[in-house]
Amino acid sequence: MRSYYTALLPQLNFNGDHVAAEIAPKYCNYDRDLKEYDWDVVNIVMPPAETKPLNDGLLIAVEGYSVELLHNWGLSPDIIVTDFDFKPDELVKYDALILGHAHGDNISYYPRYASMAKQLLPTVQVWPRGCSLLIPGFTDGDRAVYLAYYMGAREIRIYGFNPHKMVKRDDEIKRTKLQIAETLINRVIRKNRSKVIFYK
């Protein structure tokens, strides 16, 4: 998987990922099992979402922006998938479990937000150490989809994934990242184990 996105974005630097994987587990304060959640139907809300999620199933927010969006709709996520780079202050206001992704580019500010999280389970992008997980994916959005898939979701509803709509920033790197995310999500769809439904 990494060879695919490094071919498209050769400027990516993974040198700090091993350091991040050593640091992140120090902030883990989640001692339960993810299997305790009901993964049958999963609603994943991404920043461009325009549709209020259906009121059944597990609710996952991608980044702090989506947490704020859900709050405005009167909803609170069960799980948040983030690397703390899009409205991170929104994340620490709630009791939701945060799957906080640590990598070389965010390790300078990762400890600040990770230390404030009420429930934090770190994720990393190299072999995990201690209390951390390695979940396939490249962006927070497709990582959330892979999480739902590997946890056995029968139905995955994706709200707001639009590789042509920029929310955080609009540049060539961001557009390429969303192209990669689309490819990875399509891999999940082709596996035919989970029903995947898209909403605006």
Protein backbone atom coordinates (compact mmCIF):
# COMPACT_ATOMS: atom_id res chain seq x y z
CA MET A 1 0.00 0.00 0.00
CA ARG A 2 2.77 2.43 0.91
CA SER A 3 4.52 1.85 -2.42
CA TYR A 4 1.33 3.00 -4.17
CA TYR A 5 1.05 6.37 -2.51
CA THR A 6 4.78 7.07 -2.40
CA ALA A 7 4.80 6.63 -6.18
CA LEU A 8 2.18 9.38 -6.46
CA LEU A 9 3.66 11.59 -3.73
CA PRO A 10 7.44 10.97 -3.74
CA GLN A 11 7.94 14.07 -1.56
CA LEU A 12 6.37 12.33 1.43
CA ASN A 13 8.73 11.85 4.36
CA PHE A 14 8.26 8.87 6.69
CA ASN A 15 11.47 9.34 8.65
CA GLY A 16 9.73 10.34 11.87
CA ASP A 17 7.14 7.57 11.89
CA HIS A 18 9.13 5.23 14.10
CA VAL A 19 9.72 8.00 16.64
CA ALA A 20 5.99 8.80 16.57
CA ALA A 21 5.17 5.12 17.15
CA GLU A 22 7.38 5.14 20.25
CA ILE A 23 5.85 8.31 21.68
CA ALA A 24 2.14 7.82 20.92
CA PRO A 25 1.44 4.83 23.24
CA LYS A 26 2.51 6.90 26.23
CA TYR A 27 -0.76 8.82 25.87
CA CYS A 28 -3.04 5.80 25.59
CA ASN A 29 -5.74 5.84 28.27
CA TYR A 30 -8.16 3.36 26.69
CA ASP A 31 -8.17 -0.10 28.26
CA ARG A 32 -11.26 -1.64 26.70
CA ASP A 33 -11.79 -3.64 23.51
CA LEU A 34 -13.02 -2.12 20.25
CA LYS A 35 -15.15 -5.22 19.80
CA GLU A 36 -17.40 -3.91 22.57
CA TYR A 37 -18.87 -1.46 20.06
CA ASP A 38 -21.65 -2.60 17.74
CA TRP A 39 -19.97 -2.59 14.32
CA ASP A 40 -22.91 -3.99 12.33
CA VAL A 41 -23.84 -0.63 10.77
CA VAL A 42 -21.29 2.17 10.75
CA ASN A 43 -21.88 5.81 9.81
CA ILE A 44 -18.68 7.68 8.89
CA VAL A 45 -18.93 11.47 8.65
CA MET A 46 -16.20 13.29 6.73
CA PRO A 47 -15.67 17.08 6.64
CA PRO A 48 -17.53 17.80 3.34
CA ALA A 49 -20.70 16.11 4.68
CA GLU A 50 -23.99 17.84 3.86
CA THR A 51 -26.38 15.10 5.01
CA LYS A 52 -27.26 14.44 8.63
CA PRO A 53 -26.44 10.79 9.37
CA LEU A 54 -29.19 8.26 9.91
CA ASN A 55 -29.89 7.68 13.59
CA ASP A 56 -28.96 4.00 13.72
CA GLY A 57 -25.55 2.42 13.91
CA LEU A 58 -22.15 3.42 15.19
CA LEU A 59 -21.22 7.05 14.50
CA ILE A 60 -17.63 7.87 13.53
CA ALA A 61 -16.43 11.42 12.93
CA VAL A 62 -13.37 12.16 10.83
CA GLU A 63 -11.37 15.09 12.27
CA GLY A 64 -12.52 17.88 14.56
CA TYR A 65 -14.35 19.63 11.75
CA SER A 66 -16.81 16.73 11.49
CA VAL A 67 -17.23 16.67 15.27
CA GLU A 68 -18.29 20.31 15.13
CA LEU A 69 -20.61 19.57 12.21
CA LEU A 70 -22.28 16.73 14.12
CA HIS A 71 -22.62 18.90 17.20
CA ASN A 72 -24.49 21.48 15.11
CA TRP A 73 -26.86 18.68 14.06
CA GLY A 74 -27.41 17.69 17.68
CA LEU A 75 -25.30 14.53 17.44
CA SER A 76 -22.21 13.25 19.23
CA PRO A 77 -19.85 10.69 17.68
CA ASP A 78 -19.00 7.41 19.34
CA ILE A 79 -15.52 7.38 17.80
CA ILE A 80 -13.31 10.06 16.26
CA VAL A 81 -10.56 9.27 13.74
CA THR A 82 -8.01 12.07 13.51
CA ASP A 83 -4.41 13.11 13.34
CA PHE A 84 -5.21 16.35 15.17
CA ASP A 85 -4.68 18.71 12.21
CA PHE A 86 -8.21 19.99 11.50
CA LYS A 87 -9.95 21.79 14.38
CA PRO A 88 -8.27 19.66 17.05
CA ASP A 89 -9.66 21.76 19.90
CA GLU A 90 -13.12 20.38 19.07
CA LEU A 91 -11.94 16.84 19.79
CA VAL A 92 -11.14 17.19 23.46
CA LYS A 93 -14.55 18.56 24.45
CA TYR A 94 -16.31 15.21 24.20
CA ASP A 95 -16.19 11.75 25.75
CA ALA A 96 -15.93 9.92 22.41
CA LEU A 97 -13.07 7.51 21.90
CA ILE A 98 -10.36 9.23 19.85
CA LEU A 99 -8.26 7.11 17.53
CA GLY A 100 -5.39 9.58 17.35
CA HIS A 101 -3.03 8.93 14.47
CA ALA A 102 0.65 9.65 15.13
CA HIS A 103 3.17 10.15 12.33
CA GLY A 104 6.38 12.02 11.72
CA ASP A 105 4.67 15.21 10.56
CA ASN A 106 2.45 15.71 13.61
CA ILE A 107 4.56 14.47 16.48
CA SER A 108 5.46 18.04 17.51
CA TYR A 109 1.83 18.78 18.47
CA TYR A 110 0.46 15.26 18.97
CA PRO A 111 1.30 15.20 22.72
CA ARG A 112 -0.59 18.42 23.37
CA TYR A 113 -3.94 17.09 22.17
CA ALA A 114 -3.37 13.45 23.05
CA SER A 115 -2.77 14.43 26.67
CA MET A 116 -6.13 16.23 26.81
CA ALA A 117 -8.21 13.41 25.30
CA LYS A 118 -10.63 11.73 27.71
CA GLN A 119 -10.29 8.46 25.80
CA LEU A 120 -7.36 7.97 23.44
CA LEU A 121 -6.26 4.92 21.50
CA PRO A 122 -3.22 5.81 19.36
CA THR A 123 -2.85 4.62 15.78
CA VAL A 124 0.46 4.56 13.93
CA GLN A 125 1.68 3.87 10.40
CA VAL A 126 4.56 1.54 11.21
CA TRP A 127 4.60 -1.63 13.31
CA PRO A 128 2.68 -0.70 16.51
CA ARG A 129 4.20 -0.62 19.97
CA GLY A 130 2.35 -1.16 23.23
CA CYS A 131 -1.11 0.37 23.32
CA SER A 132 -1.46 1.38 19.67
CA LEU A 133 -2.94 0.08 16.43
CA LEU A 134 -1.82 -0.09 12.82
CA ILE A 135 -4.92 0.45 10.67
CA PRO A 136 -4.58 0.43 6.86
CA GLY A 137 -5.23 3.71 5.11
CA PHE A 138 -3.63 6.92 4.01
CA THR A 139 -5.98 9.70 5.14
CA ASP A 140 -8.16 9.83 8.24
CA GLY A 141 -11.22 9.23 6.07
CA ASP A 142 -10.16 6.04 4.36
CA ARG A 143 -8.58 4.85 7.62
CA ALA A 144 -12.01 5.10 9.24
CA VAL A 145 -13.48 3.03 6.40
CA TYR A 146 -10.83 0.34 6.81
CA LEU A 147 -11.44 0.31 10.55
CA ALA A 148 -15.14 -0.37 10.00
CA TYR A 149 -14.36 -3.01 7.40
CA TYR A 150 -11.89 -4.92 9.54
CA MET A 151 -14.19 -4.74 12.54
CA GLY A 152 -16.74 -6.65 10.46
CA ALA A 153 -19.27 -3.97 9.51
CA ARG A 154 -22.13 -5.33 7.46
CA GLU A 155 -22.98 -1.85 6.17
CA ILE A 156 -20.73 1.21 5.94
CA ARG A 157 -22.37 4.57 5.26
CA ILE A 158 -19.95 7.27 4.17
CA TYR A 159 -21.14 10.85 4.47
CA GLY A 160 -19.33 13.60 2.63
CA PHE A 161 -16.51 11.80 0.86
CA ASN A 162 -15.90 13.86 -2.26
CA PRO A 163 -12.39 13.72 -3.74
CA HIS A 164 -13.19 16.81 -5.82
CA LYS A 165 -14.34 19.04 -2.93
CA MET A 166 -11.62 20.63 -0.85
CA VAL A 167 -12.45 21.69 2.71
CA LYS A 168 -9.23 22.09 4.67
CA ARG A 169 -7.08 23.37 1.81
CA ASP A 170 -6.92 23.22 -1.98
CA ASP A 171 -3.57 22.33 -3.49
CA GLU A 172 -2.08 19.60 -5.67
CA ILE A 173 -0.91 17.49 -2.74
CA LYS A 174 -4.36 17.54 -1.11
CA ARG A 175 -6.03 16.59 -4.39
CA THR A 176 -3.61 13.68 -4.82
CA LYS A 177 -4.23 12.53 -1.25
CA LEU A 178 -7.97 12.43 -1.90
CA GLN A 179 -7.36 10.51 -5.13
CA ILE A 180 -5.40 7.94 -3.11
CA ALA A 181 -8.16 7.81 -0.48
CA GLU A 182 -10.73 7.15 -3.23
CA THR A 183 -8.64 4.28 -4.58
CA LEU A 184 -8.29 2.72 -1.13
CA ILE A 185 -12.00 3.03 -0.36
CA ASN A 186 -12.77 1.40 -3.72
CA ARG A 187 -10.62 -1.54 -2.67
CA VAL A 188 -12.94 -2.08 0.29
CA ILE A 189 -15.95 -1.92 -2.02
CA ARG A 190 -14.45 -4.51 -4.38
CA LYS A 191 -13.99 -6.97 -1.53
CA ASN A 192 -17.82 -7.22 -1.33
CA ARG A 193 -17.81 -8.11 2.36
CA SER A 194 -19.38 -4.85 3.50
CA LYS A 195 -22.17 -2.93 1.81
CA VAL A 196 -20.87 0.62 1.23
CA ILE A 197 -23.31 3.48 0.68
CA PHE A 198 -22.31 7.08 -0.09
CA TYR A 199 -24.22 10.20 0.97
CA LYS A 200 -23.44 13.85 0.28
